[in-house]
N, C-alpha and C. Protein backbone atom coordinates (compact mmCIF):
# COMPACT_ATOMS: atom_id res chain seq x y z
N MET A 1 158.29 73.19 129.12
CA MET A 1 158.22 74.63 128.99
C MET A 1 156.80 75.01 128.56
N PRO A 2 156.21 75.99 129.20
CA PRO A 2 154.86 76.42 128.83
C PRO A 2 154.82 76.94 127.39
N HIS A 3 153.67 76.70 126.73
CA HIS A 3 153.51 77.09 125.33
C HIS A 3 153.78 78.57 125.10
N GLY A 4 153.26 79.42 125.99
CA GLY A 4 153.44 80.86 125.84
C GLY A 4 154.91 81.27 125.83
N ARG A 5 155.68 80.66 126.71
CA ARG A 5 157.11 80.98 126.78
C ARG A 5 157.83 80.49 125.53
N LEU A 6 157.50 79.29 125.08
CA LEU A 6 158.13 78.74 123.88
C LEU A 6 157.79 79.60 122.65
N LEU A 7 156.52 79.99 122.52
CA LEU A 7 156.11 80.85 121.42
C LEU A 7 156.86 82.18 121.48
N ALA A 8 157.00 82.74 122.67
CA ALA A 8 157.71 84.01 122.83
C ALA A 8 159.16 83.87 122.38
N ILE A 9 159.82 82.78 122.74
CA ILE A 9 161.22 82.58 122.35
C ILE A 9 161.34 82.47 120.83
N VAL A 10 160.47 81.66 120.21
CA VAL A 10 160.51 81.50 118.75
C VAL A 10 160.23 82.84 118.08
N CYS A 11 159.28 83.59 118.57
CA CYS A 11 158.95 84.89 117.97
C CYS A 11 160.07 85.90 118.15
N ILE A 12 160.76 85.86 119.28
CA ILE A 12 161.89 86.77 119.51
C ILE A 12 163.00 86.47 118.49
N VAL A 13 163.29 85.19 118.27
CA VAL A 13 164.31 84.82 117.28
C VAL A 13 163.86 85.25 115.89
N TRP A 14 162.60 85.02 115.57
CA TRP A 14 162.03 85.40 114.26
C TRP A 14 162.15 86.91 114.05
N VAL A 15 161.69 87.70 115.01
CA VAL A 15 161.72 89.16 114.88
C VAL A 15 163.16 89.66 114.83
N ALA A 16 164.04 89.07 115.64
CA ALA A 16 165.46 89.47 115.63
C ALA A 16 166.08 89.21 114.26
N SER A 17 165.72 88.08 113.65
CA SER A 17 166.25 87.80 112.31
C SER A 17 165.75 88.81 111.30
N GLU A 18 164.50 89.22 111.42
CA GLU A 18 163.94 90.23 110.51
C GLU A 18 164.60 91.59 110.73
N LEU A 19 164.84 91.96 111.97
CA LEU A 19 165.51 93.23 112.25
C LEU A 19 166.94 93.21 111.71
N ALA A 20 167.63 92.09 111.84
CA ALA A 20 168.99 91.97 111.29
C ALA A 20 168.97 92.13 109.78
N VAL A 21 168.00 91.50 109.12
CA VAL A 21 167.88 91.64 107.67
C VAL A 21 167.60 93.10 107.31
N MET A 22 166.73 93.75 108.07
CA MET A 22 166.42 95.17 107.78
C MET A 22 167.66 96.05 107.89
N VAL A 23 168.49 95.79 108.87
CA VAL A 23 169.69 96.60 109.05
C VAL A 23 170.72 96.31 107.95
N LEU A 24 170.90 95.05 107.64
CA LEU A 24 171.94 94.64 106.69
C LEU A 24 171.56 94.82 105.23
N LYS A 25 170.27 94.73 104.91
CA LYS A 25 169.89 94.63 103.50
C LYS A 25 169.03 95.78 102.97
N HIS A 26 169.27 97.00 103.44
CA HIS A 26 168.63 98.17 102.83
C HIS A 26 169.37 98.52 101.56
N ALA A 27 168.66 99.05 100.58
CA ALA A 27 169.29 99.48 99.33
C ALA A 27 170.31 100.58 99.65
N ARG A 28 171.45 100.48 99.03
CA ARG A 28 172.51 101.46 99.27
C ARG A 28 173.11 101.90 97.94
N GLY A 29 173.86 102.95 98.00
CA GLY A 29 174.65 103.38 96.86
C GLY A 29 173.83 103.71 95.62
N ASN A 30 174.16 103.03 94.53
CA ASN A 30 173.58 103.35 93.24
C ASN A 30 172.28 102.59 92.95
N ALA A 31 171.65 102.06 93.95
CA ALA A 31 170.40 101.33 93.75
C ALA A 31 169.26 102.30 93.44
N SER A 32 168.41 101.90 92.52
CA SER A 32 167.24 102.69 92.17
C SER A 32 166.08 102.22 93.04
N ARG A 33 165.63 103.08 93.95
CA ARG A 33 164.56 102.72 94.88
C ARG A 33 163.21 102.85 94.20
N ARG A 34 162.39 101.80 94.33
CA ARG A 34 161.07 101.78 93.71
C ARG A 34 160.03 101.21 94.67
N ASP A 35 160.22 101.46 95.93
CA ASP A 35 159.43 100.83 96.99
C ASP A 35 157.99 101.34 97.08
N ARG A 36 157.76 102.58 96.73
CA ARG A 36 156.43 103.20 96.78
C ARG A 36 155.74 103.02 98.15
N GLY A 37 156.53 103.05 99.20
CA GLY A 37 155.97 102.96 100.55
C GLY A 37 155.52 101.57 100.96
N SER A 38 155.80 100.56 100.13
CA SER A 38 155.28 99.22 100.41
C SER A 38 155.88 98.60 101.67
N LEU A 39 157.12 98.94 102.00
CA LEU A 39 157.71 98.39 103.22
C LEU A 39 156.99 98.93 104.45
N ARG A 40 156.69 100.21 104.46
CA ARG A 40 155.96 100.80 105.59
C ARG A 40 154.55 100.23 105.69
N VAL A 41 153.88 100.12 104.55
CA VAL A 41 152.52 99.55 104.53
C VAL A 41 152.56 98.13 105.07
N LEU A 42 153.54 97.36 104.62
CA LEU A 42 153.66 95.96 105.06
C LEU A 42 153.90 95.87 106.56
N TRP A 43 154.85 96.63 107.08
CA TRP A 43 155.15 96.58 108.51
C TRP A 43 153.98 97.06 109.35
N ALA A 44 153.30 98.10 108.90
CA ALA A 44 152.15 98.60 109.66
C ALA A 44 151.05 97.55 109.70
N GLY A 45 150.75 96.94 108.56
CA GLY A 45 149.72 95.90 108.50
C GLY A 45 150.07 94.70 109.35
N ILE A 46 151.32 94.28 109.28
CA ILE A 46 151.78 93.13 110.06
C ILE A 46 151.67 93.43 111.56
N THR A 47 152.09 94.61 111.96
CA THR A 47 152.03 94.97 113.38
C THR A 47 150.59 94.98 113.89
N ILE A 48 149.72 95.63 113.15
CA ILE A 48 148.31 95.69 113.55
C ILE A 48 147.71 94.29 113.59
N ALA A 49 147.99 93.48 112.57
CA ALA A 49 147.42 92.13 112.50
C ALA A 49 147.90 91.24 113.64
N THR A 50 149.19 91.28 113.96
CA THR A 50 149.69 90.40 115.02
C THR A 50 149.19 90.83 116.39
N VAL A 51 149.11 92.14 116.61
CA VAL A 51 148.56 92.61 117.89
C VAL A 51 147.09 92.22 117.99
N ALA A 52 146.32 92.48 116.92
CA ALA A 52 144.88 92.13 116.95
C ALA A 52 144.70 90.62 117.08
N GLY A 53 145.50 89.84 116.35
CA GLY A 53 145.40 88.38 116.45
C GLY A 53 145.71 87.88 117.84
N SER A 54 146.67 88.51 118.48
CA SER A 54 147.02 88.16 119.86
C SER A 54 145.90 88.52 120.83
N LEU A 55 145.33 89.71 120.63
CA LEU A 55 144.27 90.17 121.54
C LEU A 55 143.01 89.30 121.47
N VAL A 56 142.67 88.78 120.30
CA VAL A 56 141.45 87.97 120.18
C VAL A 56 141.71 86.49 120.44
N SER A 57 142.97 86.12 120.66
CA SER A 57 143.30 84.69 120.81
C SER A 57 142.57 84.03 121.98
N GLY A 58 142.21 84.79 122.99
CA GLY A 58 141.50 84.22 124.14
C GLY A 58 139.98 84.20 123.98
N TYR A 59 139.48 84.64 122.84
CA TYR A 59 138.04 84.68 122.60
C TYR A 59 137.53 83.26 122.36
N ARG A 60 136.87 82.69 123.34
CA ARG A 60 136.47 81.28 123.34
C ARG A 60 135.59 80.83 122.18
N PRO A 61 134.58 81.62 121.76
CA PRO A 61 133.71 81.13 120.68
C PRO A 61 134.44 80.81 119.37
N THR A 62 135.63 81.39 119.17
CA THR A 62 136.35 81.11 117.93
C THR A 62 137.61 80.26 118.15
N ALA A 63 137.71 79.65 119.32
CA ALA A 63 138.85 78.77 119.59
C ALA A 63 138.80 77.56 118.67
N ILE A 64 139.97 77.10 118.25
CA ILE A 64 140.05 75.91 117.40
C ILE A 64 139.85 74.69 118.30
N ALA A 65 139.03 73.74 117.83
CA ALA A 65 138.64 72.58 118.65
C ALA A 65 139.84 71.75 119.10
N CYS A 66 140.80 71.52 118.22
CA CYS A 66 141.99 70.76 118.62
C CYS A 66 143.14 71.74 118.81
N ASN A 67 144.12 71.34 119.57
CA ASN A 67 145.24 72.22 119.85
C ASN A 67 146.17 72.28 118.63
N THR A 68 146.29 73.48 118.05
CA THR A 68 147.11 73.65 116.84
C THR A 68 148.42 74.37 117.15
N PHE A 69 148.77 74.46 118.42
CA PHE A 69 149.98 75.17 118.82
C PHE A 69 151.22 74.63 118.11
N TRP A 70 151.41 73.32 118.13
CA TRP A 70 152.62 72.73 117.56
C TRP A 70 152.67 72.87 116.04
N ILE A 71 151.52 72.79 115.41
CA ILE A 71 151.45 73.02 113.95
C ILE A 71 151.87 74.46 113.68
N GLY A 72 151.33 75.38 114.47
CA GLY A 72 151.68 76.78 114.30
C GLY A 72 153.15 77.05 114.51
N LEU A 73 153.72 76.49 115.56
CA LEU A 73 155.14 76.68 115.84
C LEU A 73 155.98 76.12 114.69
N GLY A 74 155.59 74.95 114.19
CA GLY A 74 156.30 74.35 113.06
C GLY A 74 156.23 75.22 111.81
N LEU A 75 155.07 75.82 111.55
CA LEU A 75 154.92 76.69 110.38
C LEU A 75 155.76 77.96 110.53
N ILE A 76 155.84 78.51 111.73
CA ILE A 76 156.69 79.68 111.95
C ILE A 76 158.13 79.34 111.61
N ILE A 77 158.61 78.24 112.16
CA ILE A 77 160.01 77.84 111.95
C ILE A 77 160.26 77.51 110.47
N LEU A 78 159.36 76.76 109.85
CA LEU A 78 159.50 76.44 108.42
C LEU A 78 159.53 77.72 107.59
N GLY A 79 158.66 78.66 107.89
CA GLY A 79 158.63 79.92 107.16
C GLY A 79 159.93 80.71 107.29
N VAL A 80 160.48 80.75 108.49
CA VAL A 80 161.75 81.45 108.72
C VAL A 80 162.86 80.78 107.91
N ILE A 81 162.87 79.46 107.87
CA ILE A 81 163.89 78.73 107.11
C ILE A 81 163.75 79.00 105.61
N ILE A 82 162.53 78.93 105.08
CA ILE A 82 162.31 79.20 103.65
C ILE A 82 162.74 80.63 103.32
N ARG A 83 162.38 81.58 104.16
CA ARG A 83 162.76 82.98 103.93
C ARG A 83 164.28 83.13 103.95
N ALA A 84 164.95 82.48 104.89
CA ALA A 84 166.41 82.56 104.98
C ALA A 84 167.08 81.98 103.73
N ILE A 85 166.56 80.87 103.24
CA ILE A 85 167.10 80.26 102.01
C ILE A 85 166.91 81.21 100.83
N ALA A 86 165.73 81.81 100.74
CA ALA A 86 165.45 82.75 99.65
C ALA A 86 166.39 83.96 99.71
N ILE A 87 166.58 84.51 100.88
CA ILE A 87 167.46 85.67 101.04
C ILE A 87 168.89 85.29 100.70
N ALA A 88 169.35 84.13 101.17
CA ALA A 88 170.71 83.67 100.88
C ALA A 88 170.90 83.46 99.38
N THR A 89 169.88 82.95 98.69
CA THR A 89 169.99 82.71 97.26
C THR A 89 170.16 84.03 96.50
N LEU A 90 169.43 85.06 96.90
CA LEU A 90 169.49 86.37 96.24
C LEU A 90 170.57 87.27 96.80
N TRP A 91 171.24 86.88 97.82
CA TRP A 91 172.01 87.71 98.74
C TRP A 91 172.43 89.07 98.20
N ARG A 92 173.16 89.12 97.14
CA ARG A 92 173.67 90.40 96.61
C ARG A 92 172.54 91.32 96.15
N TYR A 93 171.46 90.74 95.66
CA TYR A 93 170.38 91.53 95.09
C TYR A 93 169.20 91.71 96.03
N PHE A 94 169.23 91.05 97.17
CA PHE A 94 168.11 91.16 98.11
C PHE A 94 168.20 92.47 98.88
N THR A 95 167.08 93.20 98.91
CA THR A 95 166.95 94.38 99.76
C THR A 95 165.56 94.35 100.38
N VAL A 96 165.43 94.96 101.54
CA VAL A 96 164.12 94.99 102.17
C VAL A 96 163.21 96.03 101.53
N ASP A 97 163.81 96.99 100.88
CA ASP A 97 163.03 97.98 100.13
C ASP A 97 163.18 97.65 98.65
N VAL A 98 162.10 97.74 97.90
CA VAL A 98 162.14 97.37 96.49
C VAL A 98 163.10 98.32 95.78
N SER A 99 164.14 97.74 95.19
CA SER A 99 165.13 98.54 94.49
C SER A 99 165.83 97.68 93.44
N ILE A 100 166.40 98.36 92.47
CA ILE A 100 167.16 97.71 91.41
C ILE A 100 168.58 98.26 91.49
N ARG A 101 169.55 97.35 91.59
CA ARG A 101 170.95 97.74 91.68
C ARG A 101 171.56 97.82 90.28
N GLU A 102 172.63 98.54 90.17
CA GLU A 102 173.37 98.54 88.92
C GLU A 102 173.90 97.12 88.70
N GLY A 103 173.72 96.60 87.51
CA GLY A 103 174.15 95.24 87.21
C GLY A 103 173.22 94.17 87.77
N HIS A 104 172.03 94.56 88.17
CA HIS A 104 171.06 93.64 88.76
C HIS A 104 170.80 92.47 87.82
N GLU A 105 170.84 91.27 88.35
CA GLU A 105 170.57 90.07 87.56
C GLU A 105 169.23 89.48 87.94
N LEU A 106 168.61 88.83 86.99
CA LEU A 106 167.37 88.10 87.25
C LEU A 106 167.77 86.72 87.77
N VAL A 107 167.43 86.43 89.00
CA VAL A 107 167.78 85.14 89.62
C VAL A 107 166.59 84.21 89.48
N ASP A 108 166.82 83.09 88.80
CA ASP A 108 165.75 82.09 88.62
C ASP A 108 166.27 80.69 88.93
N ARG A 109 167.19 80.61 89.86
CA ARG A 109 167.75 79.32 90.28
C ARG A 109 167.32 79.02 91.72
N GLY A 110 167.58 77.81 92.16
CA GLY A 110 167.22 77.42 93.52
C GLY A 110 165.72 77.52 93.73
N VAL A 111 165.30 78.04 94.87
CA VAL A 111 163.87 78.17 95.15
C VAL A 111 163.20 79.13 94.18
N TYR A 112 163.97 80.02 93.57
CA TYR A 112 163.41 80.97 92.60
C TYR A 112 163.13 80.31 91.25
N HIS A 113 163.55 79.09 91.08
CA HIS A 113 163.22 78.35 89.85
C HIS A 113 161.74 77.96 89.84
N VAL A 114 161.19 77.74 91.03
CA VAL A 114 159.82 77.26 91.17
C VAL A 114 158.84 78.38 91.47
N ILE A 115 159.22 79.29 92.38
CA ILE A 115 158.34 80.41 92.73
C ILE A 115 159.13 81.72 92.69
N ARG A 116 158.42 82.80 92.36
CA ARG A 116 159.07 84.10 92.19
C ARG A 116 159.33 84.82 93.52
N HIS A 117 158.57 84.52 94.53
CA HIS A 117 158.68 85.26 95.80
C HIS A 117 158.77 84.32 97.01
N PRO A 118 159.79 83.45 97.05
CA PRO A 118 159.87 82.50 98.17
C PRO A 118 160.08 83.18 99.52
N ALA A 119 160.71 84.34 99.56
CA ALA A 119 160.88 85.03 100.85
C ALA A 119 159.52 85.43 101.41
N TYR A 120 158.61 85.85 100.53
CA TYR A 120 157.27 86.20 100.98
C TYR A 120 156.47 84.95 101.33
N THR A 121 156.68 83.88 100.60
CA THR A 121 156.03 82.61 100.95
C THR A 121 156.43 82.21 102.37
N GLY A 122 157.73 82.33 102.67
CA GLY A 122 158.21 82.00 104.01
C GLY A 122 157.58 82.88 105.07
N SER A 123 157.51 84.17 104.80
CA SER A 123 156.89 85.08 105.76
C SER A 123 155.42 84.76 105.97
N LEU A 124 154.71 84.53 104.88
CA LEU A 124 153.29 84.21 105.00
C LEU A 124 153.06 82.92 105.78
N LEU A 125 153.91 81.91 105.56
CA LEU A 125 153.81 80.67 106.35
C LEU A 125 154.01 80.95 107.83
N SER A 126 155.00 81.79 108.14
CA SER A 126 155.26 82.11 109.54
C SER A 126 154.08 82.82 110.18
N PHE A 127 153.49 83.78 109.45
CA PHE A 127 152.34 84.49 110.02
C PHE A 127 151.13 83.58 110.17
N LEU A 128 150.92 82.71 109.20
CA LEU A 128 149.84 81.72 109.33
C LEU A 128 150.09 80.84 110.55
N GLY A 129 151.35 80.45 110.72
CA GLY A 129 151.72 79.66 111.89
C GLY A 129 151.45 80.38 113.19
N LEU A 130 151.70 81.68 113.20
CA LEU A 130 151.43 82.46 114.41
C LEU A 130 149.95 82.40 114.75
N GLY A 131 149.10 82.54 113.74
CA GLY A 131 147.66 82.44 113.97
C GLY A 131 147.28 81.09 114.54
N PHE A 132 147.85 80.02 113.99
CA PHE A 132 147.55 78.67 114.50
C PHE A 132 148.13 78.46 115.90
N ALA A 133 149.28 79.06 116.18
CA ALA A 133 149.87 78.93 117.52
C ALA A 133 148.96 79.59 118.57
N PHE A 134 148.22 80.62 118.17
CA PHE A 134 147.25 81.25 119.07
C PHE A 134 146.03 80.36 119.28
N ASN A 135 145.88 79.31 118.45
CA ASN A 135 144.81 78.33 118.59
C ASN A 135 143.41 78.95 118.53
N ASN A 136 143.26 79.88 117.58
CA ASN A 136 141.99 80.57 117.48
C ASN A 136 141.73 80.95 116.01
N TRP A 137 140.57 80.54 115.50
CA TRP A 137 140.23 80.81 114.10
C TRP A 137 140.20 82.29 113.80
N LEU A 138 139.74 83.10 114.72
CA LEU A 138 139.68 84.54 114.50
C LEU A 138 141.09 85.12 114.38
N SER A 139 142.01 84.64 115.20
CA SER A 139 143.41 85.06 115.11
C SER A 139 143.99 84.67 113.75
N VAL A 140 143.74 83.44 113.32
CA VAL A 140 144.22 82.98 112.01
C VAL A 140 143.68 83.89 110.91
N ALA A 141 142.38 84.16 110.94
CA ALA A 141 141.74 84.97 109.90
C ALA A 141 142.30 86.39 109.87
N ILE A 142 142.39 87.04 111.02
CA ILE A 142 142.89 88.42 111.08
C ILE A 142 144.31 88.50 110.55
N ILE A 143 145.17 87.62 111.03
CA ILE A 143 146.57 87.64 110.62
C ILE A 143 146.71 87.28 109.15
N ALA A 144 146.00 86.25 108.70
CA ALA A 144 146.11 85.82 107.29
C ALA A 144 145.61 86.92 106.35
N ILE A 145 144.46 87.47 106.61
CA ILE A 145 143.89 88.48 105.71
C ILE A 145 144.79 89.71 105.63
N ALA A 146 145.21 90.22 106.76
CA ALA A 146 146.04 91.43 106.78
C ALA A 146 147.39 91.20 106.10
N THR A 147 148.03 90.07 106.37
CA THR A 147 149.34 89.84 105.76
C THR A 147 149.21 89.55 104.26
N ILE A 148 148.17 88.86 103.86
CA ILE A 148 147.96 88.61 102.42
C ILE A 148 147.74 89.93 101.69
N ILE A 149 146.96 90.82 102.26
CA ILE A 149 146.75 92.14 101.64
C ILE A 149 148.08 92.90 101.53
N GLY A 150 148.82 92.93 102.62
CA GLY A 150 150.10 93.65 102.63
C GLY A 150 151.10 93.08 101.64
N PHE A 151 151.24 91.76 101.64
CA PHE A 151 152.18 91.14 100.71
C PHE A 151 151.71 91.23 99.26
N SER A 152 150.41 91.24 99.03
CA SER A 152 149.89 91.40 97.66
C SER A 152 150.27 92.77 97.10
N TYR A 153 150.13 93.80 97.91
CA TYR A 153 150.56 95.13 97.47
C TYR A 153 152.06 95.15 97.20
N ARG A 154 152.80 94.59 98.12
CA ARG A 154 154.26 94.55 97.99
C ARG A 154 154.69 93.81 96.73
N ILE A 155 154.07 92.68 96.46
CA ILE A 155 154.40 91.90 95.26
C ILE A 155 154.07 92.69 94.00
N ALA A 156 152.94 93.37 93.98
CA ALA A 156 152.57 94.18 92.82
C ALA A 156 153.62 95.27 92.56
N VAL A 157 154.07 95.93 93.61
CA VAL A 157 155.10 96.96 93.47
C VAL A 157 156.39 96.34 92.95
N GLU A 158 156.79 95.23 93.55
CA GLU A 158 158.05 94.58 93.18
C GLU A 158 158.01 94.07 91.75
N GLU A 159 156.92 93.39 91.39
CA GLU A 159 156.83 92.85 90.03
C GLU A 159 156.78 93.98 89.00
N GLY A 160 156.14 95.10 89.33
CA GLY A 160 156.14 96.25 88.44
C GLY A 160 157.56 96.76 88.19
N ALA A 161 158.35 96.86 89.25
CA ALA A 161 159.73 97.32 89.12
C ALA A 161 160.56 96.33 88.30
N LEU A 162 160.34 95.04 88.52
CA LEU A 162 161.11 94.02 87.80
C LEU A 162 160.73 93.94 86.32
N VAL A 163 159.44 94.09 86.03
CA VAL A 163 159.01 94.13 84.62
C VAL A 163 159.60 95.37 83.94
N GLU A 164 159.57 96.49 84.63
CA GLU A 164 160.12 97.73 84.07
C GLU A 164 161.62 97.57 83.77
N HIS A 165 162.34 96.91 84.67
CA HIS A 165 163.78 96.76 84.50
C HIS A 165 164.16 95.65 83.51
N PHE A 166 163.55 94.48 83.66
CA PHE A 166 163.94 93.32 82.84
C PHE A 166 163.07 93.11 81.60
N GLY A 167 161.90 93.72 81.56
CA GLY A 167 161.02 93.61 80.41
C GLY A 167 160.57 92.18 80.12
N ASP A 168 160.76 91.76 78.88
CA ASP A 168 160.29 90.44 78.44
C ASP A 168 160.96 89.28 79.18
N ARG A 169 162.19 89.48 79.65
CA ARG A 169 162.85 88.41 80.43
C ARG A 169 162.05 88.10 81.69
N TYR A 170 161.60 89.16 82.39
CA TYR A 170 160.82 88.93 83.60
C TYR A 170 159.42 88.41 83.26
N ARG A 171 158.83 88.92 82.19
CA ARG A 171 157.52 88.41 81.77
C ARG A 171 157.60 86.92 81.46
N GLY A 172 158.67 86.49 80.81
CA GLY A 172 158.88 85.06 80.54
C GLY A 172 159.03 84.26 81.82
N TYR A 173 159.77 84.82 82.77
CA TYR A 173 159.95 84.18 84.08
C TYR A 173 158.59 84.04 84.77
N MET A 174 157.75 85.07 84.65
CA MET A 174 156.42 85.02 85.25
C MET A 174 155.58 83.90 84.62
N GLN A 175 155.78 83.66 83.34
CA GLN A 175 155.03 82.62 82.64
C GLN A 175 155.43 81.22 83.11
N ARG A 176 156.70 81.04 83.43
CA ARG A 176 157.19 79.68 83.76
C ARG A 176 157.31 79.41 85.26
N SER A 177 156.91 80.37 86.09
CA SER A 177 156.98 80.16 87.54
C SER A 177 155.69 80.63 88.19
N LYS A 178 155.45 80.15 89.39
CA LYS A 178 154.29 80.59 90.16
C LYS A 178 154.73 81.71 91.10
N ARG A 179 153.79 82.45 91.59
CA ARG A 179 154.08 83.61 92.43
C ARG A 179 154.51 83.20 93.85
N LEU A 180 153.70 82.38 94.54
CA LEU A 180 153.96 82.09 95.95
C LEU A 180 153.90 80.60 96.31
N ILE A 181 153.05 79.84 95.62
CA ILE A 181 152.84 78.43 95.99
C ILE A 181 153.21 77.56 94.79
N PRO A 182 154.22 76.70 94.92
CA PRO A 182 154.66 75.89 93.78
C PRO A 182 153.50 75.13 93.12
N GLY A 183 153.39 75.27 91.81
CA GLY A 183 152.41 74.55 91.03
C GLY A 183 150.96 75.03 91.17
N ILE A 184 150.72 76.00 92.06
CA ILE A 184 149.34 76.43 92.32
C ILE A 184 149.15 77.91 92.04
N TYR A 185 149.88 78.76 92.74
CA TYR A 185 149.70 80.21 92.58
C TYR A 185 151.02 80.94 92.67
């Protein structure tokens, strides 16, 4: 199967899973919404970055010397799996828009024992993988920079809401866990 077709199939499954999560996991009922537009900012940045990364992928001067397609495809799939595990772990409390539900619990088990935002780690891995699947350093840079900026804003909004709600419990959790990369950051 040609690389382009395989990448398209993987991306269709990836995007379909994200659309399903968006439909199923919006804050409802008595949830206190604290998103501050971060979901829109994130989606806009991601859309612009992936389109731009795709458009520059054929630019020869920035092509990666070795073929990184398979590494990229693997990172996309790994990222989707990590994100799915994170969402399943939080299931009741996971929403695509930053919100706090009545009776909201601080989850620090499973992947959340090691990092505070594994769903974002998974997404960032997938986007990095997309850049590598395009086999172009400029694509990697555009996608990585834009998604890191978007997710950084989103994390700041989310952590602000969680500190406001949980106070010292969340601050303690922040002290004993990393944000996105186990043992590093």
